[in-house]
Amino acid sequence: MPKIAIIGGSGIYDPEIFKSERIVKLSTPYGSPSGAIEIGSMGGVEVAFFPRHGKGHAIPPHKVNYRANIWALKELGVERIIAASACGSLKEDYAPGSLVVVDQYIDFTKKREYTFYDGGQVHHVSLADPFCRTMSDLCIDAGKKLDLNVHPRGTYVCIEGPRFSTRAESKMFRTFADIIGMTLVPECQLARELEMCYVTLAMVTDYDVWQERPVNAQEVLEIMDKNVVNVRKIMTEVLPKLPATRNCECASALRFAKV
């Protein structure tokens, strides 16, 4: 079974790049995942492709069963996750069409299931550095090699959705974050609880409403169609370079977390 998973939408899935070989359907103690997992190869590496929002992007961000999704990937044997998601920009220099290798996040979600340890055992997992440094560095290097507009760091504020921000909220968020989205939390922290490496490539699709013109969903989709091509290029470059053995902190996240 593959050790690497790609989480993304239909734009990331390209039959010319991802060669699907079989489909796996899994049940979990946390209910049904967003959909079936496709196993195949990308860049000559065996990977699992998982649609966060289900087939046809039918599940909104606040209804995604993140625990079931991450649990299913762990059951499959996945150790590393490369995730892609759309985001809005809160800063002028994080322009639409660029990519961000996120290094920090702030959680403004409200009613999601955030942990696997909500009874029986208590674990306090460190998220001081929420993303795998090894995978992040490889993504940054790939962006430079491909001469793409990739920001090597950025703080992502995650909101509940599915609505976009008010102007007042957007102006508040931009004082302490660079980009804004709806899917990072709790996906990344659940991966850490299961000692899985996780990196996210955030695709900047618009300036949030701190600017005068409100965000338009159709414009977001048009820009996203363009920059998913660059995400696929980075993934194809990174996958063959992932080391066989994990020496990062992610692999031992639970060592000192249990109370």
C-alpha atoms as a PDB file:
ATOM      1  CA  MET A   1       0.000   0.000   0.000  1.00  0.00           C
ATOM      2  CA  PRO A   2       1.180   3.554  -0.676  1.00  0.00           C
ATOM      3  CA  LYS A   3       2.968   5.514   2.043  1.00  0.00           C
ATOM      4  CA  ILE A   4       2.063   8.884   0.522  1.00  0.00           C
ATOM      5  CA  ALA A   5      -1.361  10.468   0.049  1.00  0.00           C
ATOM      6  CA  ILE A   6      -2.505  13.500  -1.893  1.00  0.00           C
ATOM      7  CA  ILE A   7      -5.549  15.307  -0.543  1.00  0.00           C
ATOM      8  CA  GLY A   8      -7.195  17.698  -2.946  1.00  0.00           C
ATOM      9  CA  GLY A   9     -10.048  18.450  -5.263  1.00  0.00           C
ATOM     10  CA  SER A  10     -10.838  17.375  -8.764  1.00  0.00           C
ATOM     11  CA  GLY A  11      -8.421  19.952 -10.193  1.00  0.00           C
ATOM     12  CA  ILE A  12      -5.440  18.159  -8.671  1.00  0.00           C
ATOM     13  CA  TYR A  13      -6.558  14.862 -10.171  1.00  0.00           C
ATOM     14  CA  ASP A  14      -5.179  14.682 -13.694  1.00  0.00           C
ATOM     15  CA  PRO A  15      -5.344  11.312 -15.484  1.00  0.00           C
ATOM     16  CA  GLU A  16      -2.354  12.361 -17.579  1.00  0.00           C
ATOM     17  CA  ILE A  17      -0.220  12.601 -14.429  1.00  0.00           C
ATOM     18  CA  PHE A  18      -1.958  10.358 -11.905  1.00  0.00           C
ATOM     19  CA  LYS A  19      -2.282   6.810 -13.219  1.00  0.00           C
ATOM     20  CA  SER A  20      -5.109   5.178 -11.269  1.00  0.00           C
ATOM     21  CA  GLU A  21      -4.765   1.432 -10.687  1.00  0.00           C
ATOM     22  CA  ARG A  22      -7.397   0.520  -8.090  1.00  0.00           C
ATOM     23  CA  ILE A  23     -10.016   1.975  -5.769  1.00  0.00           C
ATOM     24  CA  VAL A  24     -10.263   1.302  -2.035  1.00  0.00           C
ATOM     25  CA  LYS A  25     -13.341   1.960   0.104  1.00  0.00           C
ATOM     26  CA  LEU A  26     -12.878   2.024   3.872  1.00  0.00           C
ATOM     27  CA  SER A  27     -15.149   2.428   6.883  1.00  0.00           C
ATOM     28  CA  THR A  28     -13.908   4.042  10.090  1.00  0.00           C
ATOM     29  CA  PRO A  29     -14.960   4.341  13.763  1.00  0.00           C
ATOM     30  CA  TYR A  30     -15.766   7.974  12.953  1.00  0.00           C
ATOM     31  CA  GLY A  31     -18.195   7.379  10.121  1.00  0.00           C
ATOM     32  CA  SER A  32     -17.791   7.485   6.377  1.00  0.00           C
ATOM     33  CA  PRO A  33     -14.875   9.290   4.704  1.00  0.00           C
ATOM     34  CA  SER A  34     -15.526  11.808   1.954  1.00  0.00           C
ATOM     35  CA  GLY A  35     -15.168   9.138  -0.692  1.00  0.00           C
ATOM     36  CA  ALA A  36     -13.170   6.244  -2.038  1.00  0.00           C
ATOM     37  CA  ILE A  37      -9.373   6.323  -2.135  1.00  0.00           C
ATOM     38  CA  GLU A  38      -7.735   5.873  -5.514  1.00  0.00           C
ATOM     39  CA  ILE A  39      -4.388   4.102  -5.580  1.00  0.00           C
ATOM     40  CA  GLY A  40      -2.026   4.758  -8.431  1.00  0.00           C
ATOM     41  CA  SER A  41       1.267   6.359  -9.401  1.00  0.00           C
ATOM     42  CA  MET A  42       2.419   9.938  -9.841  1.00  0.00           C
ATOM     43  CA  GLY A  43       5.927  10.865 -10.872  1.00  0.00           C
ATOM     44  CA  GLY A  44       6.810   7.197 -10.728  1.00  0.00           C
ATOM     45  CA  VAL A  45       5.806   6.958  -7.061  1.00  0.00           C
ATOM     46  CA  GLU A  46       2.866   4.982  -5.690  1.00  0.00           C
ATOM     47  CA  VAL A  47       0.378   7.352  -4.051  1.00  0.00           C
ATOM     48  CA  ALA A  48      -3.162   7.434  -2.720  1.00  0.00           C
ATOM     49  CA  PHE A  49      -5.425  10.193  -4.024  1.00  0.00           C
ATOM     50  CA  PHE A  50      -8.222  11.342  -1.734  1.00  0.00           C
ATOM     51  CA  PRO A  51     -10.917  13.930  -2.580  1.00  0.00           C
ATOM     52  CA  ARG A  52     -11.484  16.083   0.520  1.00  0.00           C
ATOM     53  CA  HIS A  53     -14.871  17.334  -0.655  1.00  0.00           C
ATOM     54  CA  GLY A  54     -16.078  14.077  -2.171  1.00  0.00           C
ATOM     55  CA  LYS A  55     -16.958  13.307  -5.748  1.00  0.00           C
ATOM     56  CA  GLY A  56     -18.033  16.419  -7.613  1.00  0.00           C
ATOM     57  CA  HIS A  57     -17.058  18.677  -4.699  1.00  0.00           C
ATOM     58  CA  ALA A  58     -20.367  17.941  -2.952  1.00  0.00           C
ATOM     59  CA  ILE A  59     -19.268  18.360   0.689  1.00  0.00           C
ATOM     60  CA  PRO A  60     -18.780  21.915   2.033  1.00  0.00           C
ATOM     61  CA  PRO A  61     -15.739  22.567   4.265  1.00  0.00           C
ATOM     62  CA  HIS A  62     -17.687  22.705   7.539  1.00  0.00           C
ATOM     63  CA  LYS A  63     -19.268  19.296   6.810  1.00  0.00           C
ATOM     64  CA  VAL A  64     -16.134  17.358   5.820  1.00  0.00           C
ATOM     65  CA  ASN A  65     -15.612  14.356   8.118  1.00  0.00           C
ATOM     66  CA  TYR A  66     -11.948  15.126   8.750  1.00  0.00           C
ATOM     67  CA  ARG A  67     -11.488  12.431  11.393  1.00  0.00           C
ATOM     68  CA  ALA A  68     -12.824   9.707   9.108  1.00  0.00           C
ATOM     69  CA  ASN A  69     -10.660  10.936   6.238  1.00  0.00           C
ATOM     70  CA  ILE A  70      -7.384  10.972   8.159  1.00  0.00           C
ATOM     71  CA  TRP A  71      -8.176   7.716   9.956  1.00  0.00           C
ATOM     72  CA  ALA A  72      -8.869   5.980   6.633  1.00  0.00           C
ATOM     73  CA  LEU A  73      -5.522   7.096   5.221  1.00  0.00           C
ATOM     74  CA  LYS A  74      -3.719   5.882   8.339  1.00  0.00           C
ATOM     75  CA  GLU A  75      -5.481   2.514   8.099  1.00  0.00           C
ATOM     76  CA  LEU A  76      -4.312   2.276   4.517  1.00  0.00           C
ATOM     77  CA  GLY A  77      -0.713   2.659   5.686  1.00  0.00           C
ATOM     78  CA  VAL A  78      -0.128   6.272   4.641  1.00  0.00           C
ATOM     79  CA  GLU A  79       2.705   8.043   6.469  1.00  0.00           C
ATOM     80  CA  ARG A  80       2.892  11.316   4.533  1.00  0.00           C
ATOM     81  CA  ILE A  81       0.206  13.688   3.227  1.00  0.00           C
ATOM     82  CA  ILE A  82       0.559  16.440   0.642  1.00  0.00           C
ATOM     83  CA  ALA A  83      -2.599  18.545   0.759  1.00  0.00           C
ATOM     84  CA  ALA A  84      -3.768  21.247  -1.617  1.00  0.00           C
ATOM     85  CA  SER A  85      -6.418  23.852  -0.912  1.00  0.00           C
ATOM     86  CA  ALA A  86      -7.647  27.196  -2.175  1.00  0.00           C
ATOM     87  CA  CYS A  87      -7.229  30.295  -0.042  1.00  0.00           C
ATOM     88  CA  GLY A  88      -7.742  34.036  -0.075  1.00  0.00           C
ATOM     89  CA  SER A  89      -4.957  36.554   0.372  1.00  0.00           C
ATOM     90  CA  LEU A  90      -4.789  38.913   3.326  1.00  0.00           C
ATOM     91  CA  LYS A  91      -1.619  40.663   2.160  1.00  0.00           C
ATOM     92  CA  GLU A  92      -0.849  42.605  -1.005  1.00  0.00           C
ATOM     93  CA  ASP A  93       2.268  40.588  -1.864  1.00  0.00           C
ATOM     94  CA  TYR A  94       0.458  37.226  -1.625  1.00  0.00           C
ATOM     95  CA  ALA A  95      -1.047  37.736  -5.040  1.00  0.00           C
ATOM     96  CA  PRO A  96      -3.758  35.599  -6.683  1.00  0.00           C
ATOM     97  CA  GLY A  97      -2.139  32.833  -8.699  1.00  0.00           C
ATOM     98  CA  SER A  98       0.725  32.356  -6.245  1.00  0.00           C
ATOM     99  CA  LEU A  99       1.260  29.366  -3.944  1.00  0.00           C
ATOM    100  CA  VAL A 100       2.072  29.275  -0.235  1.00  0.00           C
ATOM    101  CA  VAL A 101       3.919  26.562   1.682  1.00  0.00           C
ATOM    102  CA  VAL A 102       2.110  27.225   4.950  1.00  0.00           C
ATOM    103  CA  ASP A 103       4.223  27.131   8.129  1.00  0.00           C
ATOM    104  CA  GLN A 104       1.745  28.365  10.768  1.00  0.00           C
ATOM    105  CA  TYR A 105      -2.000  28.600  11.274  1.00  0.00           C
ATOM    106  CA  ILE A 106      -4.589  30.257  13.494  1.00  0.00           C
ATOM    107  CA  ASP A 107      -7.852  28.448  14.177  1.00  0.00           C
ATOM    108  CA  PHE A 108     -11.107  30.416  13.920  1.00  0.00           C
ATOM    109  CA  THR A 109     -13.353  27.421  13.279  1.00  0.00           C
ATOM    110  CA  LYS A 110     -16.205  26.815  15.708  1.00  0.00           C
ATOM    111  CA  LYS A 111     -17.823  23.384  15.724  1.00  0.00           C
ATOM    112  CA  ARG A 112     -15.560  20.733  14.232  1.00  0.00           C
ATOM    113  CA  GLU A 113     -14.267  17.468  15.677  1.00  0.00           C
ATOM    114  CA  TYR A 114     -10.676  18.365  16.492  1.00  0.00           C
ATOM    115  CA  THR A 115      -9.091  15.267  18.019  1.00  0.00           C
ATOM    116  CA  PHE A 116      -9.004  11.492  18.155  1.00  0.00           C
ATOM    117  CA  TYR A 117      -8.324  11.709  21.905  1.00  0.00           C
ATOM    118  CA  ASP A 118     -11.611  12.922  23.340  1.00  0.00           C
ATOM    119  CA  GLY A 119     -12.093  10.184  25.940  1.00  0.00           C
ATOM    120  CA  GLY A 120     -10.327   7.218  27.519  1.00  0.00           C
ATOM    121  CA  GLN A 121      -6.836   8.511  26.790  1.00  0.00           C
ATOM    122  CA  VAL A 122      -5.651  12.100  27.004  1.00  0.00           C
ATOM    123  CA  HIS A 123      -2.916  13.334  24.684  1.00  0.00           C
ATOM    124  CA  HIS A 124      -1.677  16.900  24.334  1.00  0.00           C
ATOM    125  CA  VAL A 125       0.151  16.893  21.009  1.00  0.00           C
ATOM    126  CA  SER A 126       2.604  19.700  20.300  1.00  0.00           C
ATOM    127  CA  LEU A 127       1.739  21.856  17.289  1.00  0.00           C
ATOM    128  CA  ALA A 128       4.326  24.565  17.800  1.00  0.00           C
ATOM    129  CA  ASP A 129       5.503  23.726  14.274  1.00  0.00           C
ATOM    130  CA  PRO A 130       2.405  22.162  12.685  1.00  0.00           C
ATOM    131  CA  PHE A 131       3.863  21.076   9.334  1.00  0.00           C
ATOM    132  CA  CYS A 132       6.550  18.608   8.318  1.00  0.00           C
ATOM    133  CA  ARG A 133       9.781  20.510   7.818  1.00  0.00           C
ATOM    134  CA  THR A 134      11.255  17.904   5.487  1.00  0.00           C
ATOM    135  CA  MET A 135       8.279  17.993   3.128  1.00  0.00           C
ATOM    136  CA  SER A 136       7.970  21.770   3.320  1.00  0.00           C
ATOM    137  CA  ASP A 137      11.613  22.264   2.329  1.00  0.00           C
ATOM    138  CA  LEU A 138      11.201  19.924  -0.647  1.00  0.00           C
ATOM    139  CA  CYS A 139       8.146  21.870  -1.826  1.00  0.00           C
ATOM    140  CA  ILE A 140       9.993  25.179  -1.497  1.00  0.00           C
ATOM    141  CA  ASP A 141      12.997  23.830  -3.408  1.00  0.00           C
ATOM    142  CA  ALA A 142      10.722  22.456  -6.136  1.00  0.00           C
ATOM    143  CA  GLY A 143       9.033  25.834  -6.524  1.00  0.00           C
ATOM    144  CA  LYS A 144      12.418  27.526  -6.970  1.00  0.00           C
ATOM    145  CA  LYS A 145      13.602  24.919  -9.452  1.00  0.00           C
ATOM    146  CA  LEU A 146      10.430  25.304 -11.513  1.00  0.00           C
ATOM    147  CA  ASP A 147      10.626  29.120 -11.262  1.00  0.00           C
ATOM    148  CA  LEU A 148       7.146  29.373  -9.781  1.00  0.00           C
ATOM    149  CA  ASN A 149       5.714  32.084  -7.543  1.00  0.00           C
ATOM    150  CA  VAL A 150       5.861  30.137  -4.264  1.00  0.00           C
ATOM    151  CA  HIS A 151       5.939  31.808  -0.852  1.00  0.00           C
ATOM    152  CA  PRO A 152       8.203  29.744   1.447  1.00  0.00           C
ATOM    153  CA  ARG A 153       6.124  30.554   4.505  1.00  0.00           C
ATOM    154  CA  GLY A 154       2.772  31.996   5.480  1.00  0.00           C
ATOM    155  CA  THR A 155       0.266  32.037   8.320  1.00  0.00           C
ATOM    156  CA  TYR A 156      -3.140  30.601   7.422  1.00  0.00           C
ATOM    157  CA  VAL A 157      -6.233  31.613   9.364  1.00  0.00           C
ATOM    158  CA  CYS A 158      -8.906  28.918   9.110  1.00  0.00           C
ATOM    159  CA  ILE A 159     -12.546  29.983   9.348  1.00  0.00           C
ATOM    160  CA  GLU A 160     -15.669  27.869   9.625  1.00  0.00           C
ATOM    161  CA  GLY A 161     -17.316  28.744   6.311  1.00  0.00           C
ATOM    162  CA  PRO A 162     -19.020  28.142   4.046  1.00  0.00           C
ATOM    163  CA  ARG A 163     -19.583  31.899   3.838  1.00  0.00           C
ATOM    164  CA  PHE A 164     -16.764  34.313   3.086  1.00  0.00           C
ATOM    165  CA  SER A 165     -15.652  36.914   5.624  1.00  0.00           C
ATOM    166  CA  THR A 166     -17.238  40.263   6.345  1.00  0.00           C
ATOM    167  CA  ARG A 167     -15.058  43.303   5.647  1.00  0.00           C
ATOM    168  CA  ALA A 168     -14.553  43.843   9.385  1.00  0.00           C
ATOM    169  CA  GLU A 169     -13.460  40.220   9.885  1.00  0.00           C
ATOM    170  CA  SER A 170     -11.099  40.351   6.935  1.00  0.00           C
ATOM    171  CA  LYS A 171      -9.440  43.527   8.203  1.00  0.00           C
ATOM    172  CA  MET A 172      -9.022  41.933  11.639  1.00  0.00           C
ATOM    173  CA  PHE A 173      -7.558  38.691  10.246  1.00  0.00           C
ATOM    174  CA  ARG A 174      -5.007  40.472   8.072  1.00  0.00           C
ATOM    175  CA  THR A 175      -3.330  42.004  11.127  1.00  0.00           C
ATOM    176  CA  PHE A 176      -1.926  38.589  12.106  1.00  0.00           C
ATOM    177  CA  ALA A 177      -2.230  36.235   9.110  1.00  0.00           C
ATOM    178  CA  ASP A 178      -1.223  36.134   5.447  1.00  0.00           C
ATOM    179  CA  ILE A 179      -3.915  33.939   3.893  1.00  0.00           C
ATOM    180  CA  ILE A 180      -7.385  32.696   4.786  1.00  0.00           C
ATOM    181  CA  GLY A 181      -9.195  29.426   4.069  1.00  0.00           C
ATOM    182  CA  MET A 182     -11.679  26.869   5.394  1.00  0.00           C
ATOM    183  CA  THR A 183     -10.126  23.380   5.264  1.00  0.00           C
ATOM    184  CA  LEU A 184      -6.768  23.287   7.039  1.00  0.00           C
ATOM    185  CA  VAL A 185      -8.205  22.740  10.529  1.00  0.00           C
ATOM    186  CA  PRO A 186      -8.558  20.115  11.889  1.00  0.00           C
ATOM    187  CA  GLU A 187      -7.064  18.150   8.979  1.00  0.00           C
ATOM    188  CA  CYS A 188      -3.433  18.983   9.727  1.00  0.00           C
ATOM    189  CA  GLN A 189      -3.660  18.490  13.489  1.00  0.00           C
ATOM    190  CA  LEU A 190      -5.441  15.142  13.138  1.00  0.00           C
ATOM    191  CA  ALA A 191      -2.583  13.991  10.919  1.00  0.00           C
ATOM    192  CA  ARG A 192      -0.095  14.987  13.624  1.00  0.00           C
ATOM    193  CA  GLU A 193      -2.095  13.049  16.249  1.00  0.00           C
ATOM    194  CA  LEU A 194      -1.608   9.917  14.136  1.00  0.00           C
ATOM    195  CA  GLU A 195       2.085  10.710  13.637  1.00  0.00           C
ATOM    196  CA  MET A 196       1.681  11.412   9.931  1.00  0.00           C
ATOM    197  CA  CYS A 197       3.753  13.985   8.046  1.00  0.00           C
ATOM    198  CA  TYR A 198       1.641  16.761   6.563  1.00  0.00           C
ATOM    199  CA  VAL A 199       2.333  19.704   4.290  1.00  0.00           C
ATOM    200  CA  THR A 200      -0.158  21.978   2.566  1.00  0.00           C
ATOM    201  CA  LEU A 201       0.193  23.860  -0.692  1.00  0.00           C
ATOM    202  CA  ALA A 202      -2.221  26.763  -0.476  1.00  0.00           C
ATOM    203  CA  MET A 203      -3.392  28.183  -3.801  1.00  0.00           C
ATOM    204  CA  VAL A 204      -4.104  31.925  -3.585  1.00  0.00           C
ATOM    205  CA  THR A 205      -7.217  32.607  -5.637  1.00  0.00           C
ATOM    206  CA  ASP A 206      -8.288  36.105  -4.587  1.00  0.00           C
ATOM    207  CA  TYR A 207      -7.763  39.080  -2.328  1.00  0.00           C
ATOM    208  CA  ASP A 208     -10.182  38.717   0.531  1.00  0.00           C
ATOM    209  CA  VAL A 209     -12.721  41.503   1.150  1.00  0.00           C
ATOM    210  CA  TRP A 210     -10.294  43.784   2.991  1.00  0.00           C
ATOM    211  CA  GLN A 211      -9.976  45.207  -0.503  1.00  0.00           C
ATOM    212  CA  GLU A 212     -12.926  47.131  -1.883  1.00  0.00           C
ATOM    213  CA  ARG A 213     -14.229  44.551  -4.351  1.00  0.00           C
ATOM    214  CA  PRO A 214     -15.967  41.528  -2.734  1.00  0.00           C
ATOM    215  CA  VAL A 215     -14.733  38.028  -3.518  1.00  0.00           C
ATOM    216  CA  ASN A 216     -16.649  36.214  -6.231  1.00  0.00           C
ATOM    217  CA  ALA A 217     -16.889  32.410  -6.208  1.00  0.00           C
ATOM    218  CA  GLN A 218     -16.725  32.176 -10.006  1.00  0.00           C
ATOM    219  CA  GLU A 219     -13.509  34.213 -10.136  1.00  0.00           C
ATOM    220  CA  VAL A 220     -12.017  31.981  -7.454  1.00  0.00           C
ATOM    221  CA  LEU A 221     -12.690  28.895  -9.572  1.00  0.00           C
ATOM    222  CA  GLU A 222     -11.165  30.461 -12.680  1.00  0.00           C
ATOM    223  CA  ILE A 223      -7.902  31.358 -10.947  1.00  0.00           C
ATOM    224  CA  MET A 224      -7.770  28.001  -9.179  1.00  0.00           C
ATOM    225  CA  ASP A 225      -7.968  26.210 -12.526  1.00  0.00           C
ATOM    226  CA  LYS A 226      -4.777  28.007 -13.493  1.00  0.00           C
ATOM    227  CA  ASN A 227      -2.678  27.472 -10.390  1.00  0.00           C
ATOM    228  CA  VAL A 228      -3.565  23.783  -9.826  1.00  0.00           C
ATOM    229  CA  VAL A 229      -1.298  23.179 -12.815  1.00  0.00           C
ATOM    230  CA  ASN A 230       1.616  24.514 -10.756  1.00  0.00           C
ATOM    231  CA  VAL A 231       0.617  22.428  -7.750  1.00  0.00           C
ATOM    232  CA  ARG A 232       0.730  19.297  -9.888  1.00  0.00           C
ATOM    233  CA  LYS A 233       4.186  20.284 -11.149  1.00  0.00           C
ATOM    234  CA  ILE A 234       5.483  20.664  -7.584  1.00  0.00           C
ATOM    235  CA  MET A 235       3.987  17.360  -6.468  1.00  0.00           C
ATOM    236  CA  THR A 236       5.513  15.533  -9.426  1.00  0.00           C
ATOM    237  CA  GLU A 237       8.896  17.052  -8.564  1.00  0.00           C
ATOM    238  CA  VAL A 238       8.686  16.351  -4.812  1.00  0.00           C
ATOM    239  CA  LEU A 239       7.329  12.794  -4.698  1.00  0.00           C
ATOM    240  CA  PRO A 240      10.455  10.989  -6.001  1.00  0.00           C
ATOM    241  CA  LYS A 241      12.666  12.960  -3.606  1.00  0.00           C
ATOM    242  CA  LEU A 242      10.927  12.027  -0.372  1.00  0.00           C
ATOM    243  CA  PRO A 243      13.385  10.044   1.787  1.00  0.00           C
ATOM    244  CA  ALA A 244      12.500   6.424   2.419  1.00  0.00           C
ATOM    245  CA  THR A 245      13.007   6.825   6.181  1.00  0.00           C
ATOM    246  CA  ARG A 246      11.290   9.534   8.180  1.00  0.00           C
ATOM    247  CA  ASN A 247      13.583  11.390  10.577  1.00  0.00           C
ATOM    248  CA  CYS A 248      11.243  14.300  11.320  1.00  0.00           C
ATOM    249  CA  GLU A 249       9.387  15.133  14.536  1.00  0.00           C
ATOM    250  CA  CYS A 250       6.064  14.095  12.990  1.00  0.00           C
ATOM    251  CA  ALA A 251       6.940  10.400  13.227  1.00  0.00           C
ATOM    252  CA  SER A 252       7.259  10.574  17.030  1.00  0.00           C
ATOM    253  CA  ALA A 253       4.618  13.184  17.861  1.00  0.00           C
ATOM    254  CA  LEU A 254       3.011  11.045  20.571  1.00  0.00           C
ATOM    255  CA  ARG A 255       6.211  10.221  22.428  1.00  0.00           C
ATOM    256  CA  PHE A 256       5.717  12.874  25.098  1.00  0.00           C
ATOM    257  CA  ALA A 257       2.052  13.706  24.519  1.00  0.00           C
ATOM    258  CA  LYS A 258       0.243  11.172  26.704  1.00  0.00           C
ATOM    259  CA  VAL A 259      -0.887  12.342  30.141  1.00  0.00           C
END
